[in-house]
Each structure stands twice: as C-alpha cells, then as structure tokens.
C-alpha cells in the first residue's frame, strides 16, 4: 500500500488580473522559469505548455532536443489548469510516474490575482516520496518559482 504524502500547497498574489496571470503562467513560461530547472543536457530555449487537454508540457533546449515534463489534464482559462509532473527522483521523465500540479487563478477585489498551486499525488514517487516532498518545499522549488513568475506577471 502506498503511503499518503501531503501535497505541496503554495500561493502568491500578483499585481495582474486573472487573464494576464493565466497567460503569463501558461503561455510565457520561458520568461520566468528558472534556467537551472531542467532535465536536458543543453540550456533551455523554451518551456512550453500546449494550451489544450492532452497538450504537452515540455522544454525545448538550445541544441534542438526536447524533454518532457508532463501533459495537460484540465484546461479552463483563465481560472485553472492541471498538468502532470512525470519527472522522477532521478530527474528523468517517466511515462509511468504521474503526479499532478493544479494552478488556480482567483480574482482579488483590488484587481490582483491570487495564484494557488497544489502539487499532489506525491506518493507516486514511492520510496522517494518524502525526499521529493522535501525537495519541492525548498526555497528554490515552488516558492522560488512562484516568486519569479510573480515578477513577470505584474511587470
């Protein structure tokens, strides 16, 4: 039986409306995704999410190669989307490993947007689940990624 691992939940408020917040997160990921966060052998050229259910989430590298991160399972602009994260504790893509990341965009009364991220199904990492949860909780993981995103979204 798999152990239950609590999901990672993070949120940030950005100085932009929900449509811009959604568009920057999903359509301009290259502008804010950390350059060091990739599994390819060459630097990042683009980080892409294909805007539809079944679309790929992947990285195109400067040498022309591509590495997969996961797939879009829910696409509801500008309120939310869900993608799979299929990168294992060995930092390689695995077809048979599926964790999910849901990102919701909630309008605030002052014209800003609350962005809520939940990375769940971490028990799929098996024996490495606790280690991966600790990794995702680190300052350079979802906290740092959302901070970098917020700077671009509200620019």
C-alpha atoms as a PDB file:
ATOM      1  CA  UNK A   1       0.000   0.000   0.000  1.00  0.00           C
ATOM      2  CA  UNK A   2       1.268   3.462  -0.889  1.00  0.00           C
ATOM      3  CA  UNK A   3       1.896   5.904   1.905  1.00  0.00           C
ATOM      4  CA  UNK A   4      -0.157   9.085   1.857  1.00  0.00           C
ATOM      5  CA  UNK A   5       2.007  12.142   1.320  1.00  0.00           C
ATOM      6  CA  UNK A   6       0.555  15.585   1.901  1.00  0.00           C
ATOM      7  CA  UNK A   7       0.505  17.754  -1.221  1.00  0.00           C
ATOM      8  CA  UNK A   8       2.619  20.863  -1.571  1.00  0.00           C
ATOM      9  CA  UNK A   9       0.394  23.947  -1.468  1.00  0.00           C
ATOM     10  CA  UNK A  10       1.685  27.402  -2.293  1.00  0.00           C
ATOM     11  CA  UNK A  11       0.079  30.689  -3.165  1.00  0.00           C
ATOM     12  CA  UNK A  12       1.103  34.142  -4.244  1.00  0.00           C
ATOM     13  CA  UNK A  13      -0.819  37.308  -5.100  1.00  0.00           C
ATOM     14  CA  UNK A  14       0.227  39.044  -8.308  1.00  0.00           C
ATOM     15  CA  UNK A  15      -0.496  42.561  -9.476  1.00  0.00           C
ATOM     16  CA  UNK A  16      -2.361  41.486 -12.601  1.00  0.00           C
ATOM     17  CA  UNK A  17      -5.854  40.336 -13.487  1.00  0.00           C
ATOM     18  CA  UNK A  18      -6.674  36.635 -13.868  1.00  0.00           C
ATOM     19  CA  UNK A  19      -6.372  36.590 -17.666  1.00  0.00           C
ATOM     20  CA  UNK A  20      -2.871  38.068 -17.668  1.00  0.00           C
ATOM     21  CA  UNK A  21      -1.864  35.919 -14.692  1.00  0.00           C
ATOM     22  CA  UNK A  22      -3.040  32.783 -16.524  1.00  0.00           C
ATOM     23  CA  UNK A  23      -1.473  33.808 -19.835  1.00  0.00           C
ATOM     24  CA  UNK A  24       1.940  34.544 -18.322  1.00  0.00           C
ATOM     25  CA  UNK A  25       1.913  31.295 -16.362  1.00  0.00           C
ATOM     26  CA  UNK A  26       0.925  29.075 -19.271  1.00  0.00           C
ATOM     27  CA  UNK A  27       1.995  30.970 -22.382  1.00  0.00           C
ATOM     28  CA  UNK A  28       5.175  32.737 -21.319  1.00  0.00           C
ATOM     29  CA  UNK A  29       6.793  30.215 -19.002  1.00  0.00           C
ATOM     30  CA  UNK A  30      10.184  30.707 -20.665  1.00  0.00           C
ATOM     31  CA  UNK A  31      10.344  34.267 -19.316  1.00  0.00           C
ATOM     32  CA  UNK A  32      10.194  33.222 -15.680  1.00  0.00           C
ATOM     33  CA  UNK A  33      11.032  29.514 -15.324  1.00  0.00           C
ATOM     34  CA  UNK A  34      14.478  29.178 -13.653  1.00  0.00           C
ATOM     35  CA  UNK A  35      17.166  28.428 -16.241  1.00  0.00           C
ATOM     36  CA  UNK A  36      18.728  25.836 -13.923  1.00  0.00           C
ATOM     37  CA  UNK A  37      15.489  23.838 -13.593  1.00  0.00           C
ATOM     38  CA  UNK A  38      15.577  21.383 -16.472  1.00  0.00           C
ATOM     39  CA  UNK A  39      16.469  17.788 -17.198  1.00  0.00           C
ATOM     40  CA  UNK A  40      18.084  18.253 -20.600  1.00  0.00           C
ATOM     41  CA  UNK A  41      21.764  18.216 -21.443  1.00  0.00           C
ATOM     42  CA  UNK A  42      21.649  21.699 -23.037  1.00  0.00           C
ATOM     43  CA  UNK A  43      20.339  25.035 -21.703  1.00  0.00           C
ATOM     44  CA  UNK A  44      16.659  25.941 -22.058  1.00  0.00           C
ATOM     45  CA  UNK A  45      15.497  27.614 -25.259  1.00  0.00           C
ATOM     46  CA  UNK A  46      11.761  27.447 -24.423  1.00  0.00           C
ATOM     47  CA  UNK A  47       9.442  25.992 -21.780  1.00  0.00           C
ATOM     48  CA  UNK A  48       6.088  25.224 -23.377  1.00  0.00           C
ATOM     49  CA  UNK A  49       2.609  24.151 -22.357  1.00  0.00           C
ATOM     50  CA  UNK A  50       0.358  23.280 -25.296  1.00  0.00           C
ATOM     51  CA  UNK A  51      -2.939  25.063 -24.484  1.00  0.00           C
ATOM     52  CA  UNK A  52      -5.402  22.158 -24.538  1.00  0.00           C
ATOM     53  CA  UNK A  53      -6.312  18.975 -22.692  1.00  0.00           C
ATOM     54  CA  UNK A  54      -3.794  16.388 -23.843  1.00  0.00           C
ATOM     55  CA  UNK A  55      -1.247  19.068 -24.721  1.00  0.00           C
ATOM     56  CA  UNK A  56       2.369  18.523 -23.782  1.00  0.00           C
ATOM     57  CA  UNK A  57       4.350  20.345 -21.101  1.00  0.00           C
ATOM     58  CA  UNK A  58       7.927  20.198 -22.299  1.00  0.00           C
ATOM     59  CA  UNK A  59      11.221  22.001 -22.722  1.00  0.00           C
ATOM     60  CA  UNK A  60      12.957  22.703 -25.999  1.00  0.00           C
ATOM     61  CA  UNK A  61      16.690  23.049 -25.462  1.00  0.00           C
ATOM     62  CA  UNK A  62      19.217  25.221 -27.265  1.00  0.00           C
ATOM     63  CA  UNK A  63      20.625  22.195 -29.072  1.00  0.00           C
ATOM     64  CA  UNK A  64      17.172  21.413 -30.528  1.00  0.00           C
ATOM     65  CA  UNK A  65      16.413  18.471 -28.234  1.00  0.00           C
ATOM     66  CA  UNK A  66      13.196  18.274 -26.229  1.00  0.00           C
ATOM     67  CA  UNK A  67      12.496  16.892 -22.765  1.00  0.00           C
ATOM     68  CA  UNK A  68       9.024  16.138 -21.437  1.00  0.00           C
ATOM     69  CA  UNK A  69       7.658  17.184 -18.079  1.00  0.00           C
ATOM     70  CA  UNK A  70       4.049  16.018 -18.441  1.00  0.00           C
ATOM     71  CA  UNK A  71       0.676  16.661 -20.051  1.00  0.00           C
ATOM     72  CA  UNK A  72      -2.310  18.986 -19.636  1.00  0.00           C
ATOM     73  CA  UNK A  73      -5.256  17.199 -17.986  1.00  0.00           C
ATOM     74  CA  UNK A  74      -7.506  20.228 -17.325  1.00  0.00           C
ATOM     75  CA  UNK A  75      -7.578  23.467 -19.333  1.00  0.00           C
ATOM     76  CA  UNK A  76     -10.010  26.151 -18.094  1.00  0.00           C
ATOM     77  CA  UNK A  77      -8.613  29.613 -18.894  1.00  0.00           C
ATOM     78  CA  UNK A  78      -8.396  31.954 -17.102  1.00  0.00           C
ATOM     79  CA  UNK A  79      -9.375  30.175 -13.871  1.00  0.00           C
ATOM     80  CA  UNK A  80      -7.306  26.983 -13.699  1.00  0.00           C
ATOM     81  CA  UNK A  81      -5.283  24.279 -15.359  1.00  0.00           C
ATOM     82  CA  UNK A  82      -3.841  20.951 -14.273  1.00  0.00           C
ATOM     83  CA  UNK A  83      -0.692  19.334 -15.649  1.00  0.00           C
ATOM     84  CA  UNK A  84       1.116  16.143 -14.809  1.00  0.00           C
ATOM     85  CA  UNK A  85       4.653  16.140 -13.436  1.00  0.00           C
ATOM     86  CA  UNK A  86       6.310  12.953 -14.600  1.00  0.00           C
ATOM     87  CA  UNK A  87       9.895  13.612 -13.578  1.00  0.00           C
ATOM     88  CA  UNK A  88      11.182  11.129 -11.035  1.00  0.00           C
ATOM     89  CA  UNK A  89      13.567  11.407  -8.119  1.00  0.00           C
ATOM     90  CA  UNK A  90      16.306  10.541 -10.627  1.00  0.00           C
ATOM     91  CA  UNK A  91      15.399  13.760 -12.507  1.00  0.00           C
ATOM     92  CA  UNK A  92      14.362  11.853 -15.625  1.00  0.00           C
ATOM     93  CA  UNK A  93      10.988  11.645 -17.359  1.00  0.00           C
ATOM     94  CA  UNK A  94       8.932   8.513 -16.635  1.00  0.00           C
ATOM     95  CA  UNK A  95       5.796   7.506 -18.580  1.00  0.00           C
ATOM     96  CA  UNK A  96       4.562   5.506 -15.616  1.00  0.00           C
ATOM     97  CA  UNK A  97       5.051   8.176 -12.928  1.00  0.00           C
ATOM     98  CA  UNK A  98       2.224  10.679 -12.608  1.00  0.00           C
ATOM     99  CA  UNK A  99       1.910  13.450 -10.049  1.00  0.00           C
ATOM    100  CA  UNK A 100      -0.383  16.419 -10.675  1.00  0.00           C
ATOM    101  CA  UNK A 101       0.010  20.160 -10.412  1.00  0.00           C
ATOM    102  CA  UNK A 102      -3.139  22.269 -10.282  1.00  0.00           C
ATOM    103  CA  UNK A 103      -2.859  26.023 -10.615  1.00  0.00           C
ATOM    104  CA  UNK A 104      -5.887  28.202  -9.899  1.00  0.00           C
ATOM    105  CA  UNK A 105      -6.267  31.930 -10.563  1.00  0.00           C
ATOM    106  CA  UNK A 106      -8.685  33.726  -8.244  1.00  0.00           C
ATOM    107  CA  UNK A 107      -9.600  37.374  -8.822  1.00  0.00           C
ATOM    108  CA  UNK A 108      -8.989  39.624  -5.826  1.00  0.00           C
ATOM    109  CA  UNK A 109     -11.242  42.676  -5.276  1.00  0.00           C
ATOM    110  CA  UNK A 110      -8.372  45.091  -5.948  1.00  0.00           C
ATOM    111  CA  UNK A 111      -7.689  43.826  -9.483  1.00  0.00           C
ATOM    112  CA  UNK A 112      -4.911  41.488  -8.427  1.00  0.00           C
ATOM    113  CA  UNK A 113      -4.973  37.693  -8.687  1.00  0.00           C
ATOM    114  CA  UNK A 114      -4.337  35.040  -6.072  1.00  0.00           C
ATOM    115  CA  UNK A 115      -2.453  32.169  -7.694  1.00  0.00           C
ATOM    116  CA  UNK A 116      -2.832  28.869  -5.852  1.00  0.00           C
ATOM    117  CA  UNK A 117      -0.578  25.954  -6.754  1.00  0.00           C
ATOM    118  CA  UNK A 118      -1.033  22.424  -5.472  1.00  0.00           C
ATOM    119  CA  UNK A 119       1.419  19.630  -6.344  1.00  0.00           C
ATOM    120  CA  UNK A 120      -0.298  16.401  -5.338  1.00  0.00           C
ATOM    121  CA  UNK A 121      -0.138  12.612  -5.732  1.00  0.00           C
ATOM    122  CA  UNK A 122       3.405  12.666  -4.364  1.00  0.00           C
ATOM    123  CA  UNK A 123       3.013   9.112  -3.111  1.00  0.00           C
ATOM    124  CA  UNK A 124       3.598   8.102  -6.760  1.00  0.00           C
ATOM    125  CA  UNK A 125       7.306   8.669  -6.042  1.00  0.00           C
ATOM    126  CA  UNK A 126       7.179   5.521  -3.897  1.00  0.00           C
ATOM    127  CA  UNK A 127      10.155   5.160  -1.562  1.00  0.00           C
ATOM    128  CA  UNK A 128      11.371   8.624  -2.637  1.00  0.00           C
ATOM    129  CA  UNK A 129       8.075  10.390  -1.812  1.00  0.00           C
ATOM    130  CA  UNK A 130       9.232  12.024   1.417  1.00  0.00           C
ATOM    131  CA  UNK A 131      12.530  13.074  -0.171  1.00  0.00           C
ATOM    132  CA  UNK A 132      10.717  14.615  -3.146  1.00  0.00           C
ATOM    133  CA  UNK A 133       8.242  16.447  -0.919  1.00  0.00           C
ATOM    134  CA  UNK A 134      11.180  17.935   0.987  1.00  0.00           C
ATOM    135  CA  UNK A 135      12.789  18.942  -2.324  1.00  0.00           C
ATOM    136  CA  UNK A 136       9.595  20.623  -3.557  1.00  0.00           C
ATOM    137  CA  UNK A 137       9.288  22.507  -0.257  1.00  0.00           C
ATOM    138  CA  UNK A 138      12.782  24.009  -0.627  1.00  0.00           C
ATOM    139  CA  UNK A 139      13.319  27.708  -1.339  1.00  0.00           C
ATOM    140  CA  UNK A 140      14.445  27.067  -4.927  1.00  0.00           C
ATOM    141  CA  UNK A 141      11.420  24.895  -5.701  1.00  0.00           C
ATOM    142  CA  UNK A 142       7.778  26.078  -5.820  1.00  0.00           C
ATOM    143  CA  UNK A 143       8.369  29.108  -3.561  1.00  0.00           C
ATOM    144  CA  UNK A 144      11.180  30.450  -5.739  1.00  0.00           C
ATOM    145  CA  UNK A 145       9.419  29.530  -8.968  1.00  0.00           C
ATOM    146  CA  UNK A 146       6.246  31.386  -7.955  1.00  0.00           C
ATOM    147  CA  UNK A 147       8.261  34.433  -6.879  1.00  0.00           C
ATOM    148  CA  UNK A 148      10.000  34.533 -10.294  1.00  0.00           C
ATOM    149  CA  UNK A 149       6.633  34.123 -12.021  1.00  0.00           C
ATOM    150  CA  UNK A 150       5.065  36.956  -9.995  1.00  0.00           C
ATOM    151  CA  UNK A 151       7.789  39.416 -11.033  1.00  0.00           C
ATOM    152  CA  UNK A 152       6.996  38.803 -14.714  1.00  0.00           C
ATOM    153  CA  UNK A 153       3.205  38.626 -14.290  1.00  0.00           C
ATOM    154  CA  UNK A 154       2.987  42.019 -12.647  1.00  0.00           C
ATOM    155  CA  UNK A 155       5.577  43.764 -14.802  1.00  0.00           C
END
